Protein backbone atom coordinates (compact mmCIF):
# COMPACT_ATOMS: atom_id res chain seq x y z
CA MET A 1 35.88 70.87 -55.54
CA LEU A 2 33.18 73.38 -54.68
CA SER A 3 30.49 70.85 -55.56
CA ARG A 4 31.98 68.30 -53.14
CA PHE A 5 32.04 70.94 -50.39
CA MET A 6 28.40 71.85 -51.03
CA HIS A 7 27.42 68.16 -50.95
CA ARG A 8 29.19 67.64 -47.61
CA ARG A 9 27.60 70.79 -46.23
CA SER A 10 24.17 69.55 -47.30
CA GLN A 11 24.79 66.19 -45.63
CA LEU A 12 25.93 67.86 -42.41
CA THR A 13 22.87 70.10 -42.40
CA SER A 14 20.60 67.09 -42.84
CA VAL A 15 22.27 65.19 -40.00
CA LEU A 16 22.04 68.19 -37.68
CA ALA A 17 18.36 68.72 -38.56
CA CYS A 18 17.61 65.08 -37.77
CA ALA A 19 19.48 65.32 -34.49
CA VAL A 20 17.51 68.41 -33.46
CA ILE A 21 14.22 66.69 -34.30
CA ILE A 22 15.16 63.53 -32.39
CA VAL A 23 16.32 65.47 -29.33
CA GLY A 24 13.20 67.63 -29.43
CA PHE A 25 10.86 64.64 -29.54
CA SER A 26 12.88 62.92 -26.82
CA MET A 27 12.52 65.91 -24.53
CA LEU A 28 8.81 66.15 -25.31
CA ALA A 29 8.36 62.45 -24.60
CA GLN A 30 9.84 62.68 -21.10
CA SER A 31 6.61 64.19 -19.74
CA ALA A 32 4.35 61.73 -21.58
CA VAL A 33 1.95 59.46 -19.74
CA PRO A 34 0.28 56.29 -21.06
CA GLY A 35 -2.14 57.22 -23.78
CA ASN A 36 -0.08 60.14 -25.07
CA VAL A 37 1.22 59.97 -28.63
CA THR A 38 4.84 60.29 -27.47
CA TYR A 39 4.62 57.67 -24.70
CA PRO A 40 5.98 54.81 -26.89
CA LEU A 41 9.01 57.01 -27.65
CA LYS A 42 9.55 57.55 -23.92
CA VAL A 43 9.49 53.80 -23.27
CA THR A 44 11.84 53.16 -26.20
CA ILE A 45 14.32 55.71 -24.85
CA GLU A 46 14.16 54.01 -21.46
CA ARG A 47 14.86 50.65 -23.09
CA LEU A 48 17.94 52.15 -24.71
CA GLY A 49 19.04 53.14 -21.22
CA ASP A 50 18.67 49.50 -20.18
CA VAL A 51 21.10 48.50 -22.92
CA VAL A 52 23.61 51.31 -22.40
CA ILE A 53 24.01 50.95 -18.63
CA ILE A 54 26.44 48.14 -17.97
CA SER A 55 27.20 48.31 -14.26
CA GLU A 56 24.95 46.50 -11.81
CA ASP A 57 24.77 49.57 -9.54
CA GLY A 58 23.95 51.82 -12.47
CA GLN A 59 21.22 49.43 -13.63
CA LEU A 60 19.70 49.37 -10.14
CA GLN A 61 19.64 53.18 -10.01
CA TRP A 62 18.09 53.31 -13.50
CA ASP A 63 15.41 50.81 -12.46
CA ILE A 64 14.56 53.01 -9.46
CA ILE A 65 14.26 56.06 -11.72
CA LYS A 66 11.94 54.18 -14.07
CA ALA A 67 9.80 52.95 -11.15
CA GLU A 68 9.52 56.52 -9.84
CA ARG A 69 8.44 57.65 -13.32
CA ARG A 70 5.71 54.98 -13.44
CA ILE A 71 4.44 56.16 -10.04
CA GLN A 72 4.38 59.78 -11.24
CA GLU A 73 2.54 58.72 -14.38
CA ALA A 74 -0.07 56.82 -12.34
CA GLU A 75 -0.51 59.83 -10.05
CA GLN A 76 -0.96 62.13 -13.06
CA LEU A 77 -3.50 59.79 -14.62
CA ALA A 78 -5.35 59.56 -11.30
CA ILE A 79 -5.49 63.36 -11.11
CA GLU A 80 -6.85 63.45 -14.66
CA GLN A 81 -9.21 60.59 -13.69
CA GLU A 82 -7.97 58.40 -16.51
CA LEU A 83 -6.58 55.61 -14.35
């Protein structure tokens, strides 16, 4: 009985550790610009948003947010003279 409890506890700890790592990288990726290591993660997260949002109005708002992000990225790259 104790062994089963310890196994479950180990599984839960592993799942929580993975969740913390994923959330941490996701938060880090939000400020990424093209060329950064975490930029592909940022784009992947945005694509998940495309799938999750089902209403037409929600999709339109999400598209506006993504367009604003691309503009901010271009501005940042221009400031850094990498555009």
